Amino acid sequence: MNKQLNNPFYLSTFDLPRQPGASKDIKLELPLDELVGTQLQYIEKGQKVSFEVTLDSVLEGIYLIGKAETNLKTICSRCAKEFNEDISVNLNGFYPYEESALDFDESLDVYNMVENQYIDLIEILRDSVSDQIEFSPLCSDCKEIVENHEEGDPELSWTYSENGINDEKDQVDDRFFNLLKLKEQLAGND
């Protein structure tokens, strides 16, 4: 057997009959051998992932449905605070047999089997995690600040009009307000 096929994230479909209606339930927990995610939200290498999946044989291939649960490391995009959160992602994918000649619906997540016999769990995990993670994640403190700023809470935010900034092109990020004031003071001393 090829060393690559000895990968624990490759599920063998050898014992799943190629007839519609056959199915196989699989539960396993494996440590990741690579980082999955983005720079701000990711599952660390070595982190254990619990998989609970069902492989269903259909005429043209195998349909995988299930979930994966693990711990997601997150870095706040506003304050750079690190925190962890538990996540559960749904796994749904279709693995056509090599000899299948059907055109598949583009809304269906279609994956290729490895050597027409193995299903790669890392590939479907990576896609499912990337669908769920946030582009600009925030910690609970920063979420509160942003939400209160949007609601106009004077304790946690300031408004542009109160600080002499009315033109849209002059609007700056709240975090740079003190720098803007310093710039104005320095410009006044020239």
C-alpha atoms as a PDB file:
ATOM      1  CA  MET A   1       0.000   0.000   0.000  1.00  0.00           C
ATOM      2  CA  ASN A   2       1.172   3.481  -0.867  1.00  0.00           C
ATOM      3  CA  LYS A   3       2.430   5.416   2.215  1.00  0.00           C
ATOM      4  CA  GLN A   4       0.173   8.345   1.314  1.00  0.00           C
ATOM      5  CA  LEU A   5      -2.879   6.068   1.499  1.00  0.00           C
ATOM      6  CA  ASN A   6      -1.946   5.133   5.072  1.00  0.00           C
ATOM      7  CA  ASN A   7      -3.126   8.616   6.105  1.00  0.00           C
ATOM      8  CA  PRO A   8      -5.622   8.334   9.025  1.00  0.00           C
ATOM      9  CA  PHE A   9      -7.773  11.074   7.415  1.00  0.00           C
ATOM     10  CA  TYR A  10      -8.398   8.838   4.386  1.00  0.00           C
ATOM     11  CA  LEU A  11     -11.568   6.814   4.888  1.00  0.00           C
ATOM     12  CA  SER A  12     -11.569   3.570   2.950  1.00  0.00           C
ATOM     13  CA  THR A  13     -14.740   2.820   1.016  1.00  0.00           C
ATOM     14  CA  PHE A  14     -13.552  -0.682   0.142  1.00  0.00           C
ATOM     15  CA  ASP A  15     -16.043  -2.379   2.487  1.00  0.00           C
ATOM     16  CA  LEU A  16     -18.991  -0.171   1.397  1.00  0.00           C
ATOM     17  CA  PRO A  17     -20.920  -2.033  -1.346  1.00  0.00           C
ATOM     18  CA  ARG A  18     -21.341  -0.089  -4.576  1.00  0.00           C
ATOM     19  CA  GLN A  19     -25.084  -0.450  -4.538  1.00  0.00           C
ATOM     20  CA  PRO A  20     -27.674   2.209  -3.729  1.00  0.00           C
ATOM     21  CA  GLY A  21     -28.858   2.089  -0.141  1.00  0.00           C
ATOM     22  CA  ALA A  22     -25.687   0.703   1.421  1.00  0.00           C
ATOM     23  CA  SER A  23     -24.322   2.870   4.222  1.00  0.00           C
ATOM     24  CA  LYS A  24     -21.560   2.964   6.807  1.00  0.00           C
ATOM     25  CA  ASP A  25     -21.437   5.011  10.045  1.00  0.00           C
ATOM     26  CA  ILE A  26     -18.025   6.191  11.201  1.00  0.00           C
ATOM     27  CA  LYS A  27     -16.984   7.883  14.456  1.00  0.00           C
ATOM     28  CA  LEU A  28     -13.378   8.814  15.031  1.00  0.00           C
ATOM     29  CA  GLU A  29     -11.189  11.383  16.746  1.00  0.00           C
ATOM     30  CA  LEU A  30      -7.931  12.377  15.107  1.00  0.00           C
ATOM     31  CA  PRO A  31      -5.248  15.012  15.774  1.00  0.00           C
ATOM     32  CA  LEU A  32      -4.735  17.350  12.819  1.00  0.00           C
ATOM     33  CA  ASP A  33      -1.441  17.029  11.020  1.00  0.00           C
ATOM     34  CA  GLU A  34      -1.776  20.498   9.461  1.00  0.00           C
ATOM     35  CA  LEU A  35      -3.273  23.894  10.294  1.00  0.00           C
ATOM     36  CA  VAL A  36      -6.816  24.407   8.935  1.00  0.00           C
ATOM     37  CA  GLY A  37      -8.333  27.893   8.596  1.00  0.00           C
ATOM     38  CA  THR A  38      -7.038  31.434   8.148  1.00  0.00           C
ATOM     39  CA  GLN A  39      -4.524  33.637   9.970  1.00  0.00           C
ATOM     40  CA  LEU A  40      -7.218  34.946  12.340  1.00  0.00           C
ATOM     41  CA  GLN A  41      -9.267  31.778  12.896  1.00  0.00           C
ATOM     42  CA  TYR A  42      -7.820  28.313  12.667  1.00  0.00           C
ATOM     43  CA  ILE A  43      -7.641  24.814  14.037  1.00  0.00           C
ATOM     44  CA  GLU A  44      -4.105  24.302  15.251  1.00  0.00           C
ATOM     45  CA  LYS A  45      -1.873  21.477  14.110  1.00  0.00           C
ATOM     46  CA  GLY A  46      -2.173  18.688  16.685  1.00  0.00           C
ATOM     47  CA  GLN A  47      -5.693  19.744  17.776  1.00  0.00           C
ATOM     48  CA  LYS A  48      -8.068  16.776  18.002  1.00  0.00           C
ATOM     49  CA  VAL A  49     -11.110  16.747  15.732  1.00  0.00           C
ATOM     50  CA  SER A  50     -14.106  14.473  16.391  1.00  0.00           C
ATOM     51  CA  PHE A  51     -15.795  13.208  13.253  1.00  0.00           C
ATOM     52  CA  GLU A  52     -19.224  11.598  13.126  1.00  0.00           C
ATOM     53  CA  VAL A  53     -20.107  10.785   9.514  1.00  0.00           C
ATOM     54  CA  THR A  54     -22.266   8.484   7.438  1.00  0.00           C
ATOM     55  CA  LEU A  55     -21.229   7.254   4.010  1.00  0.00           C
ATOM     56  CA  ASP A  56     -24.204   6.471   1.775  1.00  0.00           C
ATOM     57  CA  SER A  57     -23.706   4.579  -1.444  1.00  0.00           C
ATOM     58  CA  VAL A  58     -25.706   5.879  -4.396  1.00  0.00           C
ATOM     59  CA  LEU A  59     -25.653   4.874  -8.048  1.00  0.00           C
ATOM     60  CA  GLU A  60     -22.942   7.303  -9.171  1.00  0.00           C
ATOM     61  CA  GLY A  61     -20.803   7.527  -6.022  1.00  0.00           C
ATOM     62  CA  ILE A  62     -20.796   8.070  -2.279  1.00  0.00           C
ATOM     63  CA  TYR A  63     -22.520  10.812  -0.337  1.00  0.00           C
ATOM     64  CA  LEU A  64     -20.896  11.862   2.958  1.00  0.00           C
ATOM     65  CA  ILE A  65     -23.006  13.592   5.595  1.00  0.00           C
ATOM     66  CA  GLY A  66     -22.058  14.315   9.195  1.00  0.00           C
ATOM     67  CA  LYS A  67     -20.294  16.738  11.467  1.00  0.00           C
ATOM     68  CA  ALA A  68     -16.914  17.564  12.913  1.00  0.00           C
ATOM     69  CA  GLU A  69     -16.314  19.128  16.322  1.00  0.00           C
ATOM     70  CA  THR A  70     -13.144  20.749  17.587  1.00  0.00           C
ATOM     71  CA  ASN A  71     -11.634  23.863  19.155  1.00  0.00           C
ATOM     72  CA  LEU A  72     -11.065  26.939  16.998  1.00  0.00           C
ATOM     73  CA  LYS A  73      -8.306  29.382  17.918  1.00  0.00           C
ATOM     74  CA  THR A  74      -9.310  32.959  17.130  1.00  0.00           C
ATOM     75  CA  ILE A  75      -7.440  36.266  17.105  1.00  0.00           C
ATOM     76  CA  CYS A  76      -9.608  39.377  17.443  1.00  0.00           C
ATOM     77  CA  SER A  77      -9.230  41.538  14.342  1.00  0.00           C
ATOM     78  CA  ARG A  78      -9.645  44.693  16.436  1.00  0.00           C
ATOM     79  CA  CYS A  79      -7.500  44.190  19.561  1.00  0.00           C
ATOM     80  CA  ALA A  80      -5.465  41.057  18.630  1.00  0.00           C
ATOM     81  CA  LYS A  81      -6.610  39.217  21.770  1.00  0.00           C
ATOM     82  CA  GLU A  82      -6.446  35.440  21.383  1.00  0.00           C
ATOM     83  CA  PHE A  83      -9.329  33.246  22.497  1.00  0.00           C
ATOM     84  CA  ASN A  84     -10.649  29.749  21.859  1.00  0.00           C
ATOM     85  CA  GLU A  85     -14.129  28.604  20.997  1.00  0.00           C
ATOM     86  CA  ASP A  86     -15.663  25.204  20.358  1.00  0.00           C
ATOM     87  CA  ILE A  87     -17.140  24.735  16.906  1.00  0.00           C
ATOM     88  CA  SER A  88     -19.249  22.153  15.178  1.00  0.00           C
ATOM     89  CA  VAL A  89     -19.306  22.135  11.378  1.00  0.00           C
ATOM     90  CA  ASN A  90     -21.612  20.207   9.100  1.00  0.00           C
ATOM     91  CA  LEU A  91     -19.917  18.015   6.529  1.00  0.00           C
ATOM     92  CA  ASN A  92     -21.765  17.367   3.274  1.00  0.00           C
ATOM     93  CA  GLY A  93     -20.107  16.152   0.119  1.00  0.00           C
ATOM     94  CA  PHE A  94     -20.514  13.905  -2.865  1.00  0.00           C
ATOM     95  CA  TYR A  95     -17.695  11.640  -4.066  1.00  0.00           C
ATOM     96  CA  PRO A  96     -18.457  10.320  -7.562  1.00  0.00           C
ATOM     97  CA  TYR A  97     -16.936   7.100  -8.779  1.00  0.00           C
ATOM     98  CA  GLU A  98     -14.203   7.621 -11.336  1.00  0.00           C
ATOM     99  CA  GLU A  99     -16.320   6.040 -14.059  1.00  0.00           C
ATOM    100  CA  SER A 100     -19.328   8.304 -13.370  1.00  0.00           C
ATOM    101  CA  ALA A 101     -20.326  10.295 -16.425  1.00  0.00           C
ATOM    102  CA  LEU A 102     -22.960  12.555 -14.883  1.00  0.00           C
ATOM    103  CA  ASP A 103     -22.775  16.340 -14.803  1.00  0.00           C
ATOM    104  CA  PHE A 104     -23.280  17.368 -11.196  1.00  0.00           C
ATOM    105  CA  ASP A 105     -25.266  20.278  -9.822  1.00  0.00           C
ATOM    106  CA  GLU A 106     -22.888  23.162  -9.072  1.00  0.00           C
ATOM    107  CA  SER A 107     -24.539  23.756  -5.694  1.00  0.00           C
ATOM    108  CA  LEU A 108     -23.444  20.280  -4.609  1.00  0.00           C
ATOM    109  CA  ASP A 109     -19.990  20.028  -3.019  1.00  0.00           C
ATOM    110  CA  VAL A 110     -18.256  17.458  -5.220  1.00  0.00           C
ATOM    111  CA  TYR A 111     -14.900  15.969  -4.230  1.00  0.00           C
ATOM    112  CA  ASN A 112     -12.674  13.440  -5.920  1.00  0.00           C
ATOM    113  CA  MET A 113     -11.889  10.173  -4.218  1.00  0.00           C
ATOM    114  CA  VAL A 114      -8.251   9.274  -3.796  1.00  0.00           C
ATOM    115  CA  GLU A 115      -7.520   6.295  -6.071  1.00  0.00           C
ATOM    116  CA  ASN A 116     -11.304   5.835  -6.481  1.00  0.00           C
ATOM    117  CA  GLN A 117     -11.489   4.259  -3.029  1.00  0.00           C
ATOM    118  CA  TYR A 118     -10.540   6.750  -0.287  1.00  0.00           C
ATOM    119  CA  ILE A 119     -12.354   9.829   1.021  1.00  0.00           C
ATOM    120  CA  ASP A 120     -10.111  12.642   2.289  1.00  0.00           C
ATOM    121  CA  LEU A 121     -11.650  14.110   5.478  1.00  0.00           C
ATOM    122  CA  ILE A 122      -9.180  17.037   5.601  1.00  0.00           C
ATOM    123  CA  GLU A 123     -10.407  18.384   2.273  1.00  0.00           C
ATOM    124  CA  ILE A 124     -14.081  18.484   3.294  1.00  0.00           C
ATOM    125  CA  LEU A 125     -13.162  19.747   6.805  1.00  0.00           C
ATOM    126  CA  ARG A 126     -11.125  22.616   5.317  1.00  0.00           C
ATOM    127  CA  ASP A 127     -14.022  23.646   3.044  1.00  0.00           C
ATOM    128  CA  SER A 128     -16.610  23.411   5.839  1.00  0.00           C
ATOM    129  CA  VAL A 129     -14.497  25.393   8.322  1.00  0.00           C
ATOM    130  CA  SER A 130     -13.744  28.108   5.766  1.00  0.00           C
ATOM    131  CA  ASP A 131     -17.479  28.472   5.118  1.00  0.00           C
ATOM    132  CA  GLN A 132     -18.128  29.023   8.834  1.00  0.00           C
ATOM    133  CA  ILE A 133     -15.285  31.263  10.007  1.00  0.00           C
ATOM    134  CA  GLU A 134     -15.621  35.041  10.103  1.00  0.00           C
ATOM    135  CA  PHE A 135     -13.659  37.401   7.867  1.00  0.00           C
ATOM    136  CA  SER A 136     -12.986  39.826  10.747  1.00  0.00           C
ATOM    137  CA  PRO A 137     -13.581  37.973  14.022  1.00  0.00           C
ATOM    138  CA  LEU A 138     -14.101  39.974  17.219  1.00  0.00           C
ATOM    139  CA  CYS A 139     -13.696  39.044  20.881  1.00  0.00           C
ATOM    140  CA  SER A 140     -16.697  39.569  23.160  1.00  0.00           C
ATOM    141  CA  ASP A 141     -15.336  42.924  24.445  1.00  0.00           C
ATOM    142  CA  CYS A 142     -14.828  44.327  20.955  1.00  0.00           C
ATOM    143  CA  LYS A 143     -18.220  43.025  19.790  1.00  0.00           C
ATOM    144  CA  GLU A 144     -19.811  45.004  22.631  1.00  0.00           C
ATOM    145  CA  ILE A 145     -17.876  48.157  21.719  1.00  0.00           C
ATOM    146  CA  VAL A 146     -18.783  47.874  18.035  1.00  0.00           C
ATOM    147  CA  GLU A 147     -22.455  47.155  18.768  1.00  0.00           C
ATOM    148  CA  ASN A 148     -22.669  50.061  21.231  1.00  0.00           C
ATOM    149  CA  HIS A 149     -20.907  52.373  18.781  1.00  0.00           C
ATOM    150  CA  GLU A 150     -23.455  51.487  16.113  1.00  0.00           C
ATOM    151  CA  GLU A 151     -26.254  52.201  18.602  1.00  0.00           C
ATOM    152  CA  GLY A 152     -24.691  55.556  19.542  1.00  0.00           C
ATOM    153  CA  ASP A 153     -23.804  54.759  23.192  1.00  0.00           C
ATOM    154  CA  PRO A 154     -21.864  57.847  24.414  1.00  0.00           C
ATOM    155  CA  GLU A 155     -19.993  55.843  27.058  1.00  0.00           C
ATOM    156  CA  LEU A 156     -18.234  53.609  24.553  1.00  0.00           C
ATOM    157  CA  SER A 157     -18.027  55.697  21.415  1.00  0.00           C
ATOM    158  CA  TRP A 158     -17.957  59.151  19.921  1.00  0.00           C
ATOM    159  CA  THR A 159     -19.755  60.466  16.889  1.00  0.00           C
ATOM    160  CA  TYR A 160     -18.119  62.181  13.968  1.00  0.00           C
ATOM    161  CA  SER A 161     -20.276  65.314  14.231  1.00  0.00           C
ATOM    162  CA  GLU A 162     -19.403  65.824  17.929  1.00  0.00           C
ATOM    163  CA  ASN A 163     -15.721  65.870  17.056  1.00  0.00           C
ATOM    164  CA  GLY A 164     -15.843  68.261  14.113  1.00  0.00           C
ATOM    165  CA  ILE A 165     -15.663  65.668  11.355  1.00  0.00           C
ATOM    166  CA  ASN A 166     -18.612  66.056   9.049  1.00  0.00           C
ATOM    167  CA  ASP A 167     -17.326  65.361   5.575  1.00  0.00           C
ATOM    168  CA  GLU A 168     -17.492  61.663   4.626  1.00  0.00           C
ATOM    169  CA  LYS A 169     -13.981  61.733   3.168  1.00  0.00           C
ATOM    170  CA  ASP A 170     -12.648  62.961   6.530  1.00  0.00           C
ATOM    171  CA  GLN A 171     -14.186  60.142   8.567  1.00  0.00           C
ATOM    172  CA  VAL A 172     -11.552  57.988  10.226  1.00  0.00           C
ATOM    173  CA  ASP A 173     -11.555  54.878  12.336  1.00  0.00           C
ATOM    174  CA  ASP A 174     -12.425  55.626  15.990  1.00  0.00           C
ATOM    175  CA  ARG A 175      -9.110  54.220  17.128  1.00  0.00           C
ATOM    176  CA  PHE A 176      -7.244  56.983  15.277  1.00  0.00           C
ATOM    177  CA  PHE A 177      -9.176  59.913  16.739  1.00  0.00           C
ATOM    178  CA  ASN A 178      -6.376  60.874  19.144  1.00  0.00           C
ATOM    179  CA  LEU A 179      -3.868  60.822  16.289  1.00  0.00           C
ATOM    180  CA  LEU A 180      -6.158  63.069  14.274  1.00  0.00           C
ATOM    181  CA  LYS A 181      -6.336  65.552  17.176  1.00  0.00           C
ATOM    182  CA  LEU A 182      -2.533  65.485  17.521  1.00  0.00           C
ATOM    183  CA  LYS A 183      -2.161  66.124  13.789  1.00  0.00           C
ATOM    184  CA  GLU A 184      -4.477  69.137  14.061  1.00  0.00           C
ATOM    185  CA  GLN A 185      -2.487  70.475  17.054  1.00  0.00           C
ATOM    186  CA  LEU A 186       0.811  70.065  15.220  1.00  0.00           C
ATOM    187  CA  ALA A 187      -0.619  71.758  12.124  1.00  0.00           C
ATOM    188  CA  GLY A 188      -1.748  74.700  14.314  1.00  0.00           C
ATOM    189  CA  ASN A 189       1.797  75.162  15.740  1.00  0.00           C
ATOM    190  CA  ASP A 190       3.389  75.703  12.296  1.00  0.00           C
END
